[in-house]
Amino acid sequence: MAPRDENRIGPGENPLMMMSLLVLSWVVLGTAKIIAQMRESPKNVAYTDLHRVCEAYFGPARQHGGSHAVFAVPAPGSPPINIQEGRGGKAKPYQVRQVLKAIDKQR
């Protein structure tokens, strides 16, 4: 076994790596809860929650200006996802269903 370099930090001792893992866990758990709510009631989803889920699954919006955010779906042959804020800060139900369908296709 090679001698341990005292100046080197192991993966369990790296605070940045630990913080990254905690943030990733928080994002995954948070989006899982939102997705469960989206499946239960597509008519009652906040636009900000839908946007957060899209960013978690599809990456940052490739276009975000005006009233629409456009996300590229990594599945081959899938059209881009457009989301738009509806009345009262809610997501439009048909767009919630489109996002759920694209997520299910990815799995």
PDB file of N, CA and C in Angstrom:
ATOM      1  N   MET A   1       0.842  -1.173   0.000  1.00  0.00           N
ATOM      2  CA  MET A   1       0.000   0.000   0.000  1.00  0.00           C
ATOM      3  C   MET A   1       0.891   1.242   0.000  1.00  0.00           C
ATOM      4  N   ALA A   2       0.551   2.219  -0.821  1.00  0.00           N
ATOM      5  CA  ALA A   2       1.332   3.442  -0.943  1.00  0.00           C
ATOM      6  C   ALA A   2       1.129   4.309   0.293  1.00  0.00           C
ATOM      7  N   PRO A   3       2.162   5.032   0.707  1.00  0.00           N
ATOM      8  CA  PRO A   3       2.013   5.908   1.875  1.00  0.00           C
ATOM      9  C   PRO A   3       1.029   7.037   1.573  1.00  0.00           C
ATOM     10  N   ARG A   4       0.295   7.420   2.560  1.00  0.00           N
ATOM     11  CA  ARG A   4      -0.711   8.483   2.413  1.00  0.00           C
ATOM     12  C   ARG A   4      -0.032   9.844   2.456  1.00  0.00           C
ATOM     13  N   ASP A   5      -0.374  10.663   1.492  1.00  0.00           N
ATOM     14  CA  ASP A   5       0.141  12.035   1.450  1.00  0.00           C
ATOM     15  C   ASP A   5      -0.692  12.859   2.430  1.00  0.00           C
ATOM     16  N   GLU A   6      -0.077  13.426   3.430  1.00  0.00           N
ATOM     17  CA  GLU A   6      -0.777  14.163   4.478  1.00  0.00           C
ATOM     18  C   GLU A   6      -1.526  15.384   3.953  1.00  0.00           C
ATOM     19  N   ASN A   7      -1.094  15.941   2.816  1.00  0.00           N
ATOM     20  CA  ASN A   7      -1.739  17.129   2.263  1.00  0.00           C
ATOM     21  C   ASN A   7      -2.933  16.795   1.380  1.00  0.00           C
ATOM     22  N   ARG A   8      -3.140  15.537   1.107  1.00  0.00           N
ATOM     23  CA  ARG A   8      -4.215  15.121   0.207  1.00  0.00           C
ATOM     24  C   ARG A   8      -5.483  14.840   0.991  1.00  0.00           C
ATOM     25  N   ILE A   9      -6.598  15.243   0.453  1.00  0.00           N
ATOM     26  CA  ILE A   9      -7.882  15.047   1.123  1.00  0.00           C
ATOM     27  C   ILE A   9      -8.615  13.903   0.430  1.00  0.00           C
ATOM     28  N   GLY A  10      -9.142  12.973   1.201  1.00  0.00           N
ATOM     29  CA  GLY A  10      -9.925  11.854   0.658  1.00  0.00           C
ATOM     30  C   GLY A  10     -11.324  12.306   0.316  1.00  0.00           C
ATOM     31  N   PRO A  11     -12.083  11.484  -0.447  1.00  0.00           N
ATOM     32  CA  PRO A  11     -13.418  11.902  -0.881  1.00  0.00           C
ATOM     33  C   PRO A  11     -14.368  12.186   0.273  1.00  0.00           C
ATOM     34  N   GLY A  12     -14.233  11.445   1.374  1.00  0.00           N
ATOM     35  CA  GLY A  12     -15.105  11.694   2.515  1.00  0.00           C
ATOM     36  C   GLY A  12     -14.723  12.931   3.295  1.00  0.00           C
ATOM     37  N   GLU A  13     -13.545  13.460   3.044  1.00  0.00           N
ATOM     38  CA  GLU A  13     -13.053  14.623   3.771  1.00  0.00           C
ATOM     39  C   GLU A  13     -13.134  15.906   2.949  1.00  0.00           C
ATOM     40  N   ASN A  14     -13.572  15.817   1.713  1.00  0.00           N
ATOM     41  CA  ASN A  14     -13.636  16.967   0.822  1.00  0.00           C
ATOM     42  C   ASN A  14     -14.949  17.712   1.051  1.00  0.00           C
ATOM     43  N   PRO A  15     -14.911  18.874   1.683  1.00  0.00           N
ATOM     44  CA  PRO A  15     -16.159  19.585   1.985  1.00  0.00           C
ATOM     45  C   PRO A  15     -16.935  20.000   0.740  1.00  0.00           C
ATOM     46  N   LEU A  16     -16.247  20.354  -0.333  1.00  0.00           N
ATOM     47  CA  LEU A  16     -16.946  20.756  -1.554  1.00  0.00           C
ATOM     48  C   LEU A  16     -17.702  19.575  -2.153  1.00  0.00           C
ATOM     49  N   MET A  17     -17.068  18.397  -2.161  1.00  0.00           N
ATOM     50  CA  MET A  17     -17.732  17.213  -2.702  1.00  0.00           C
ATOM     51  C   MET A  17     -18.940  16.839  -1.842  1.00  0.00           C
ATOM     52  N   MET A  18     -18.787  16.918  -0.539  1.00  0.00           N
ATOM     53  CA  MET A  18     -19.895  16.604   0.366  1.00  0.00           C
ATOM     54  C   MET A  18     -21.053  17.574   0.160  1.00  0.00           C
ATOM     55  N   MET A  19     -20.738  18.865  -0.011  1.00  0.00           N
ATOM     56  CA  MET A  19     -21.780  19.867  -0.239  1.00  0.00           C
ATOM     57  C   MET A  19     -22.476  19.603  -1.564  1.00  0.00           C
ATOM     58  N   SER A  20     -21.712  19.242  -2.592  1.00  0.00           N
ATOM     59  CA  SER A  20     -22.305  18.939  -3.898  1.00  0.00           C
ATOM     60  C   SER A  20     -23.254  17.766  -3.813  1.00  0.00           C
ATOM     61  N   LEU A  21     -22.865  16.732  -3.073  1.00  0.00           N
ATOM     62  CA  LEU A  21     -23.731  15.563  -2.900  1.00  0.00           C
ATOM     63  C   LEU A  21     -24.999  15.918  -2.140  1.00  0.00           C
ATOM     64  N   LEU A  22     -24.878  16.766  -1.134  1.00  0.00           N
ATOM     65  CA  LEU A  22     -26.052  17.192  -0.381  1.00  0.00           C
ATOM     66  C   LEU A  22     -27.008  17.999  -1.256  1.00  0.00           C
ATOM     67  N   VAL A  23     -26.465  18.910  -2.054  1.00  0.00           N
ATOM     68  CA  VAL A  23     -27.300  19.719  -2.938  1.00  0.00           C
ATOM     69  C   VAL A  23     -27.990  18.834  -3.972  1.00  0.00           C
ATOM     70  N   LEU A  24     -27.241  17.899  -4.560  1.00  0.00           N
ATOM     71  CA  LEU A  24     -27.824  16.988  -5.543  1.00  0.00           C
ATOM     72  C   LEU A  24     -28.944  16.161  -4.917  1.00  0.00           C
ATOM     73  N   SER A  25     -28.724  15.660  -3.708  1.00  0.00           N
ATOM     74  CA  SER A  25     -29.756  14.895  -3.011  1.00  0.00           C
ATOM     75  C   SER A  25     -30.988  15.749  -2.773  1.00  0.00           C
ATOM     76  N   TRP A  26     -30.766  17.000  -2.362  1.00  0.00           N
ATOM     77  CA  TRP A  26     -31.879  17.903  -2.100  1.00  0.00           C
ATOM     78  C   TRP A  26     -32.677  18.169  -3.379  1.00  0.00           C
ATOM     79  N   VAL A  27     -31.981  18.369  -4.500  1.00  0.00           N
ATOM     80  CA  VAL A  27     -32.651  18.636  -5.779  1.00  0.00           C
ATOM     81  C   VAL A  27     -33.462  17.423  -6.210  1.00  0.00           C
ATOM     82  N   VAL A  28     -32.871  16.230  -6.125  1.00  0.00           N
ATOM     83  CA  VAL A  28     -33.562  15.013  -6.544  1.00  0.00           C
ATOM     84  C   VAL A  28     -34.781  14.772  -5.670  1.00  0.00           C
ATOM     85  N   LEU A  29     -34.631  14.872  -4.359  1.00  0.00           N
ATOM     86  CA  LEU A  29     -35.769  14.656  -3.468  1.00  0.00           C
ATOM     87  C   LEU A  29     -36.841  15.720  -3.678  1.00  0.00           C
ATOM     88  N   GLY A  30     -36.416  16.958  -3.867  1.00  0.00           N
ATOM     89  CA  GLY A  30     -37.378  18.035  -4.089  1.00  0.00           C
ATOM     90  C   GLY A  30     -38.162  17.861  -5.375  1.00  0.00           C
ATOM     91  N   THR A  31     -37.479  17.480  -6.456  1.00  0.00           N
ATOM     92  CA  THR A  31     -38.188  17.302  -7.715  1.00  0.00           C
ATOM     93  C   THR A  31     -39.063  16.061  -7.682  1.00  0.00           C
ATOM     94  N   ALA A  32     -38.664  15.027  -6.955  1.00  0.00           N
ATOM     95  CA  ALA A  32     -39.500  13.824  -6.855  1.00  0.00           C
ATOM     96  C   ALA A  32     -40.834  14.161  -6.191  1.00  0.00           C
ATOM     97  N   LYS A  33     -40.777  15.002  -5.183  1.00  0.00           N
ATOM     98  CA  LYS A  33     -42.009  15.414  -4.496  1.00  0.00           C
ATOM     99  C   LYS A  33     -42.892  16.253  -5.427  1.00  0.00           C
ATOM    100  N   ILE A  34     -42.268  17.156  -6.170  1.00  0.00           N
ATOM    101  CA  ILE A  34     -43.023  17.996  -7.109  1.00  0.00           C
ATOM    102  C   ILE A  34     -43.644  17.136  -8.204  1.00  0.00           C
ATOM    103  N   ILE A  35     -42.893  16.164  -8.726  1.00  0.00           N
ATOM    104  CA  ILE A  35     -43.415  15.294  -9.786  1.00  0.00           C
ATOM    105  C   ILE A  35     -44.612  14.496  -9.279  1.00  0.00           C
ATOM    106  N   ALA A  36     -44.548  14.027  -8.050  1.00  0.00           N
ATOM    107  CA  ALA A  36     -45.687  13.302  -7.469  1.00  0.00           C
ATOM    108  C   ALA A  36     -46.917  14.213  -7.422  1.00  0.00           C
ATOM    109  N   GLN A  37     -46.717  15.471  -7.041  1.00  0.00           N
ATOM    110  CA  GLN A  37     -47.829  16.431  -7.009  1.00  0.00           C
ATOM    111  C   GLN A  37     -48.340  16.719  -8.419  1.00  0.00           C
ATOM    112  N   MET A  38     -47.408  16.779  -9.392  1.00  0.00           N
ATOM    113  CA  MET A  38     -47.801  17.039 -10.780  1.00  0.00           C
ATOM    114  C   MET A  38     -48.676  15.903 -11.303  1.00  0.00           C
ATOM    115  N   ARG A  39     -48.319  14.665 -10.965  1.00  0.00           N
ATOM    116  CA  ARG A  39     -49.104  13.515 -11.423  1.00  0.00           C
ATOM    117  C   ARG A  39     -50.485  13.496 -10.774  1.00  0.00           C
ATOM    118  N   GLU A  40     -50.534  13.907  -9.524  1.00  0.00           N
ATOM    119  CA  GLU A  40     -51.791  13.892  -8.785  1.00  0.00           C
ATOM    120  C   GLU A  40     -52.760  14.963  -9.265  1.00  0.00           C
ATOM    121  N   SER A  41     -52.221  16.147  -9.562  1.00  0.00           N
ATOM    122  CA  SER A  41     -53.081  17.267  -9.947  1.00  0.00           C
ATOM    123  C   SER A  41     -52.372  18.194 -10.923  1.00  0.00           C
ATOM    124  N   PRO A  42     -52.401  17.885 -12.241  1.00  0.00           N
ATOM    125  CA  PRO A  42     -51.727  18.733 -13.224  1.00  0.00           C
ATOM    126  C   PRO A  42     -52.287  20.152 -13.301  1.00  0.00           C
ATOM    127  N   LYS A  43     -53.495  20.357 -12.802  1.00  0.00           N
ATOM    128  CA  LYS A  43     -54.109  21.687 -12.859  1.00  0.00           C
ATOM    129  C   LYS A  43     -53.643  22.592 -11.724  1.00  0.00           C
ATOM    130  N   ASN A  44     -52.966  22.015 -10.739  1.00  0.00           N
ATOM    131  CA  ASN A  44     -52.599  22.795  -9.559  1.00  0.00           C
ATOM    132  C   ASN A  44     -51.085  22.774  -9.338  1.00  0.00           C
ATOM    133  N   VAL A  45     -50.325  23.138 -10.366  1.00  0.00           N
ATOM    134  CA  VAL A  45     -48.865  23.139 -10.295  1.00  0.00           C
ATOM    135  C   VAL A  45     -48.368  24.563 -10.500  1.00  0.00           C
ATOM    136  N   ALA A  46     -47.528  25.016  -9.598  1.00  0.00           N
ATOM    137  CA  ALA A  46     -46.948  26.357  -9.737  1.00  0.00           C
ATOM    138  C   ALA A  46     -45.979  26.360 -10.918  1.00  0.00           C
ATOM    139  N   TYR A  47     -45.961  27.440 -11.661  1.00  0.00           N
ATOM    140  CA  TYR A  47     -45.050  27.561 -12.801  1.00  0.00           C
ATOM    141  C   TYR A  47     -43.601  27.398 -12.345  1.00  0.00           C
ATOM    142  N   THR A  48     -43.246  27.978 -11.210  1.00  0.00           N
ATOM    143  CA  THR A  48     -41.864  27.882 -10.724  1.00  0.00           C
ATOM    144  C   THR A  48     -41.474  26.434 -10.437  1.00  0.00           C
ATOM    145  N   ASP A  49     -42.423  25.630  -9.948  1.00  0.00           N
ATOM    146  CA  ASP A  49     -42.145  24.207  -9.704  1.00  0.00           C
ATOM    147  C   ASP A  49     -41.934  23.467 -11.021  1.00  0.00           C
ATOM    148  N   LEU A  50     -42.763  23.745 -12.016  1.00  0.00           N
ATOM    149  CA  LEU A  50     -42.603  23.104 -13.322  1.00  0.00           C
ATOM    150  C   LEU A  50     -41.260  23.489 -13.936  1.00  0.00           C
ATOM    151  N   HIS A  51     -40.897  24.745 -13.819  1.00  0.00           N
ATOM    152  CA  HIS A  51     -39.613  25.222 -14.355  1.00  0.00           C
ATOM    153  C   HIS A  51     -38.455  24.515 -13.651  1.00  0.00           C
ATOM    154  N   ARG A  52     -38.537  24.365 -12.342  1.00  0.00           N
ATOM    155  CA  ARG A  52     -37.495  23.696 -11.563  1.00  0.00           C
ATOM    156  C   ARG A  52     -37.333  22.237 -12.001  1.00  0.00           C
ATOM    157  N   VAL A  53     -38.442  21.548 -12.224  1.00  0.00           N
ATOM    158  CA  VAL A  53     -38.394  20.154 -12.672  1.00  0.00           C
ATOM    159  C   VAL A  53     -37.768  20.070 -14.064  1.00  0.00           C
ATOM    160  N   CYS A  54     -38.160  20.971 -14.955  1.00  0.00           N
ATOM    161  CA  CYS A  54     -37.586  20.982 -16.304  1.00  0.00           C
ATOM    162  C   CYS A  54     -36.076  21.191 -16.255  1.00  0.00           C
ATOM    163  N   GLU A  55     -35.613  22.107 -15.421  1.00  0.00           N
ATOM    164  CA  GLU A  55     -34.170  22.344 -15.308  1.00  0.00           C
ATOM    165  C   GLU A  55     -33.449  21.119 -14.751  1.00  0.00           C
ATOM    166  N   ALA A  56     -34.081  20.420 -13.807  1.00  0.00           N
ATOM    167  CA  ALA A  56     -33.455  19.240 -13.208  1.00  0.00           C
ATOM    168  C   ALA A  56     -33.328  18.102 -14.222  1.00  0.00           C
ATOM    169  N   TYR A  57     -34.327  17.948 -15.092  1.00  0.00           N
ATOM    170  CA  TYR A  57     -34.326  16.831 -16.037  1.00  0.00           C
ATOM    171  C   TYR A  57     -33.732  17.168 -17.402  1.00  0.00           C
ATOM    172  N   PHE A  58     -33.898  18.412 -17.844  1.00  0.00           N
ATOM    173  CA  PHE A  58     -33.493  18.760 -19.210  1.00  0.00           C
ATOM    174  C   PHE A  58     -32.358  19.775 -19.274  1.00  0.00           C
ATOM    175  N   GLY A  59     -31.913  20.274 -18.130  1.00  0.00           N
ATOM    176  CA  GLY A  59     -30.865  21.278 -18.114  1.00  0.00           C
ATOM    177  C   GLY A  59     -31.455  22.677 -18.223  1.00  0.00           C
ATOM    178  N   PRO A  60     -30.599  23.670 -18.298  1.00  0.00           N
ATOM    179  CA  PRO A  60     -31.107  25.052 -18.370  1.00  0.00           C
ATOM    180  C   PRO A  60     -31.898  25.284 -19.656  1.00  0.00           C
ATOM    181  N   ALA A  61     -32.831  26.210 -19.577  1.00  0.00           N
ATOM    182  CA  ALA A  61     -33.636  26.541 -20.760  1.00  0.00           C
ATOM    183  C   ALA A  61     -32.720  27.081 -21.844  1.00  0.00           C
ATOM    184  N   ARG A  62     -32.922  26.614 -23.065  1.00  0.00           N
ATOM    185  CA  ARG A  62     -32.082  27.105 -24.162  1.00  0.00           C
ATOM    186  C   ARG A  62     -32.580  28.453 -24.645  1.00  0.00           C
ATOM    187  N   GLN A  63     -33.802  28.740 -24.301  1.00  0.00           N
ATOM    188  CA  GLN A  63     -34.370  30.053 -24.615  1.00  0.00           C
ATOM    189  C   GLN A  63     -35.245  30.430 -23.440  1.00  0.00           C
ATOM    190  N   HIS A  64     -35.024  31.591 -22.905  1.00  0.00           N
ATOM    191  CA  HIS A  64     -35.849  32.057 -21.796  1.00  0.00           C
ATOM    192  C   HIS A  64     -35.974  33.555 -21.922  1.00  0.00           C
ATOM    193  N   GLY A  65     -37.009  33.950 -22.548  1.00  0.00           N
ATOM    194  CA  GLY A  65     -37.258  35.372 -22.728  1.00  0.00           C
ATOM    195  C   GLY A  65     -38.717  35.532 -23.073  1.00  0.00           C
ATOM    196  N   GLY A  66     -39.230  36.647 -22.804  1.00  0.00           N
ATOM    197  CA  GLY A  66     -40.641  36.843 -23.079  1.00  0.00           C
ATOM    198  C   GLY A  66     -41.466  35.980 -22.140  1.00  0.00           C
ATOM    199  N   SER A  67     -42.449  35.322 -22.693  1.00  0.00           N
ATOM    200  CA  SER A  67     -43.364  34.562 -21.846  1.00  0.00           C
ATOM    201  C   SER A  67     -43.085  33.064 -21.829  1.00  0.00           C
ATOM    202  N   HIS A  68     -42.183  32.572 -22.662  1.00  0.00           N
ATOM    203  CA  HIS A  68     -41.921  31.133 -22.753  1.00  0.00           C
ATOM    204  C   HIS A  68     -40.503  30.763 -22.316  1.00  0.00           C
ATOM    205  N   ALA A  69     -40.373  29.566 -21.785  1.00  0.00           N
ATOM    206  CA  ALA A  69     -39.063  28.951 -21.548  1.00  0.00           C
ATOM    207  C   ALA A  69     -39.048  27.687 -22.397  1.00  0.00           C
ATOM    208  N   VAL A  70     -37.981  27.477 -23.155  1.00  0.00           N
ATOM    209  CA  VAL A  70     -37.891  26.337 -24.067  1.00  0.00           C
ATOM    210  C   VAL A  70     -36.756  25.435 -23.600  1.00  0.00           C
ATOM    211  N   PHE A  71     -37.070  24.156 -23.394  1.00  0.00           N
ATOM    212  CA  PHE A  71     -36.096  23.174 -22.935  1.00  0.00           C
ATOM    213  C   PHE A  71     -35.899  22.111 -24.005  1.00  0.00           C
ATOM    214  N   ALA A  72     -34.652  21.754 -24.253  1.00  0.00           N
ATOM    215  CA  ALA A  72     -34.334  20.674 -25.185  1.00  0.00           C
ATOM    216  C   ALA A  72     -34.445  19.356 -24.430  1.00  0.00           C
ATOM    217  N   VAL A  73     -35.184  18.405 -25.003  1.00  0.00           N
ATOM    218  CA  VAL A  73     -35.354  17.087 -24.391  1.00  0.00           C
ATOM    219  C   VAL A  73     -34.275  16.174 -24.959  1.00  0.00           C
ATOM    220  N   PRO A  74     -33.498  15.514 -24.079  1.00  0.00           N
ATOM    221  CA  PRO A  74     -32.385  14.704 -24.574  1.00  0.00           C
ATOM    222  C   PRO A  74     -32.794  13.425 -25.313  1.00  0.00           C
ATOM    223  N   ALA A  75     -34.024  12.975 -25.169  1.00  0.00           N
ATOM    224  CA  ALA A  75     -34.454  11.750 -25.858  1.00  0.00           C
ATOM    225  C   ALA A  75     -34.475  12.001 -27.370  1.00  0.00           C
ATOM    226  N   PRO A  76     -33.888  11.082 -28.158  1.00  0.00           N
ATOM    227  CA  PRO A  76     -33.852  11.280 -29.613  1.00  0.00           C
ATOM    228  C   PRO A  76     -35.258  11.378 -30.209  1.00  0.00           C
ATOM    229  N   GLY A  77     -35.429  12.339 -31.079  1.00  0.00           N
ATOM    230  CA  GLY A  77     -36.703  12.517 -31.767  1.00  0.00           C
ATOM    231  C   GLY A  77     -37.777  13.229 -30.965  1.00  0.00           C
ATOM    232  N   SER A  78     -37.461  13.617 -29.731  1.00  0.00           N
ATOM    233  CA  SER A  78     -38.445  14.313 -28.901  1.00  0.00           C
ATOM    234  C   SER A  78     -38.433  15.799 -29.222  1.00  0.00           C
ATOM    235  N   PRO A  79     -39.612  16.392 -29.340  1.00  0.00           N
ATOM    236  CA  PRO A  79     -39.666  17.838 -29.598  1.00  0.00           C
ATOM    237  C   PRO A  79     -39.264  18.612 -28.347  1.00  0.00           C
ATOM    238  N   PRO A  80     -38.866  19.859 -28.497  1.00  0.00           N
ATOM    239  CA  PRO A  80     -38.540  20.674 -27.320  1.00  0.00           C
ATOM    240  C   PRO A  80     -39.792  20.910 -26.474  1.00  0.00           C
ATOM    241  N   ILE A  81     -39.569  21.188 -25.218  1.00  0.00           N
ATOM    242  CA  ILE A  81     -40.665  21.477 -24.285  1.00  0.00           C
ATOM    243  C   ILE A  81     -40.751  22.988 -24.115  1.00  0.00           C
ATOM    244  N   ASN A  82     -41.921  23.535 -24.374  1.00  0.00           N
ATOM    245  CA  ASN A  82     -42.205  24.953 -24.148  1.00  0.00           C
ATOM    246  C   ASN A  82     -43.093  25.050 -22.925  1.00  0.00           C
ATOM    247  N   ILE A  83     -42.709  25.883 -21.983  1.00  0.00           N
ATOM    248  CA  ILE A  83     -43.600  26.118 -20.846  1.00  0.00           C
ATOM    249  C   ILE A  83     -43.859  27.610 -20.729  1.00  0.00           C
ATOM    250  N   GLN A  84     -45.041  27.906 -20.224  1.00  0.00           N
ATOM    251  CA  GLN A  84     -45.483  29.297 -20.133  1.00  0.00           C
ATOM    252  C   GLN A  84     -46.298  29.452 -18.864  1.00  0.00           C
ATOM    253  N   GLU A  85     -46.073  30.537 -18.178  1.00  0.00           N
ATOM    254  CA  GLU A  85     -46.827  30.801 -16.955  1.00  0.00           C
ATOM    255  C   GLU A  85     -48.268  31.145 -17.292  1.00  0.00           C
ATOM    256  N   GLY A  86     -49.187  30.496 -16.614  1.00  0.00           N
ATOM    257  CA  GLY A  86     -50.609  30.762 -16.816  1.00  0.00           C
ATOM    258  C   GLY A  86     -51.116  31.757 -15.780  1.00  0.00           C
ATOM    259  N   ARG A  87     -52.412  31.770 -15.609  1.00  0.00           N
ATOM    260  CA  ARG A  87     -53.026  32.703 -14.652  1.00  0.00           C
ATOM    261  C   ARG A  87     -52.679  32.326 -13.215  1.00  0.00           C
ATOM    262  N   GLY A  88     -52.471  33.326 -12.412  1.00  0.00           N
ATOM    263  CA  GLY A  88     -52.223  33.110 -10.992  1.00  0.00           C
ATOM    264  C   GLY A  88     -50.910  32.419 -10.683  1.00  0.00           C
ATOM    265  N   GLY A  89     -49.950  32.491 -11.600  1.00  0.00           N
ATOM    266  CA  GLY A  89     -48.649  31.874 -11.343  1.00  0.00           C
ATOM    267  C   GLY A  89     -48.636  30.368 -11.519  1.00  0.00           C
ATOM    268  N   LYS A  90     -49.704  29.828 -12.089  1.00  0.00           N
ATOM    269  CA  LYS A  90     -49.806  28.380 -12.287  1.00  0.00           C
ATOM    270  C   LYS A  90     -49.246  27.988 -13.647  1.00  0.00           C
ATOM    271  N   ALA A  91     -48.830  26.725 -13.739  1.00  0.00           N
ATOM    272  CA  ALA A  91     -48.412  26.155 -15.022  1.00  0.00           C
ATOM    273  C   ALA A  91     -49.663  25.718 -15.770  1.00  0.00           C
ATOM    274  N   LYS A  92     -49.575  25.708 -17.077  1.00  0.00           N
ATOM    275  CA  LYS A  92     -50.704  25.246 -17.877  1.00  0.00           C
ATOM    276  C   LYS A  92     -50.759  23.711 -17.810  1.00  0.00           C
ATOM    277  N   PRO A  93     -51.943  23.142 -17.522  1.00  0.00           N
ATOM    278  CA  PRO A  93     -52.057  21.700 -17.309  1.00  0.00           C
ATOM    279  C   PRO A  93     -51.560  20.848 -18.486  1.00  0.00           C
ATOM    280  N   TYR A  94     -51.811  21.281 -19.733  1.00  0.00           N
ATOM    281  CA  TYR A  94     -51.363  20.468 -20.865  1.00  0.00           C
ATOM    282  C   TYR A  94     -49.834  20.453 -20.943  1.00  0.00           C
ATOM    283  N   GLN A  95     -49.189  21.541 -20.499  1.00  0.00           N
ATOM    284  CA  GLN A  95     -47.732  21.582 -20.495  1.00  0.00           C
ATOM    285  C   GLN A  95     -47.168  20.701 -19.374  1.00  0.00           C
ATOM    286  N   VAL A  96     -47.862  20.638 -18.245  1.00  0.00           N
ATOM    287  CA  VAL A  96     -47.460  19.738 -17.161  1.00  0.00           C
ATOM    288  C   VAL A  96     -47.493  18.295 -17.669  1.00  0.00           C
ATOM    289  N   ARG A  97     -48.557  17.927 -18.387  1.00  0.00           N
ATOM    290  CA  ARG A  97     -48.666  16.563 -18.928  1.00  0.00           C
ATOM    291  C   ARG A  97     -47.566  16.283 -19.954  1.00  0.00           C
ATOM    292  N   GLN A  98     -47.213  17.274 -20.780  1.00  0.00           N
ATOM    293  CA  GLN A  98     -46.127  17.105 -21.758  1.00  0.00           C
ATOM    294  C   GLN A  98     -44.791  16.850 -21.048  1.00  0.00           C
ATOM    295  N   VAL A  99     -44.534  17.586 -19.987  1.00  0.00           N
ATOM    296  CA  VAL A  99     -43.291  17.420 -19.240  1.00  0.00           C
ATOM    297  C   VAL A  99     -43.246  16.029 -18.597  1.00  0.00           C
ATOM    298  N   LEU A 100     -44.350  15.604 -17.997  1.00  0.00           N
ATOM    299  CA  LEU A 100     -44.397  14.269 -17.393  1.00  0.00           C
ATOM    300  C   LEU A 100     -44.155  13.175 -18.430  1.00  0.00           C
ATOM    301  N   LYS A 101     -44.739  13.338 -19.608  1.00  0.00           N
ATOM    302  CA  LYS A 101     -44.553  12.360 -20.685  1.00  0.00           C
ATOM    303  C   LYS A 101     -43.086  12.297 -21.113  1.00  0.00           C
ATOM    304  N   ALA A 102     -42.437  13.460 -21.230  1.00  0.00           N
ATOM    305  CA  ALA A 102     -41.023  13.508 -21.618  1.00  0.00           C
ATOM    306  C   ALA A 102     -40.143  12.887 -20.529  1.00  0.00           C
ATOM    307  N   ILE A 103     -40.465  13.111 -19.280  1.00  0.00           N
ATOM    308  CA  ILE A 103     -39.699  12.513 -18.174  1.00  0.00           C
ATOM    309  C   ILE A 103     -39.853  11.000 -18.196  1.00  0.00           C
ATOM    310  N   ASP A 104     -41.085  10.526 -18.402  1.00  0.00           N
ATOM    311  CA  ASP A 104     -41.323   9.074 -18.456  1.00  0.00           C
ATOM    312  C   ASP A 104     -40.586   8.423 -19.620  1.00  0.00           C
ATOM    313  N   LYS A 105     -40.472   9.136 -20.732  1.00  0.00           N
ATOM    314  CA  LYS A 105     -39.744   8.627 -21.896  1.00  0.00           C
ATOM    315  C   LYS A 105     -38.259   8.458 -21.597  1.00  0.00           C
ATOM    316  N   GLN A 106     -37.724   9.365 -20.765  1.00  0.00           N
ATOM    317  CA  GLN A 106     -36.315   9.324 -20.408  1.00  0.00           C
ATOM    318  C   GLN A 106     -35.967   8.140 -19.533  1.00  0.00           C
ATOM    319  N   ARG A 107     -36.893   7.730 -18.719  1.00  0.00           N
ATOM    320  CA  ARG A 107     -36.623   6.650 -17.741  1.00  0.00           C
ATOM    321  C   ARG A 107     -36.605   5.362 -18.412  1.00  0.00           C
TER     322      ARG A 107
END
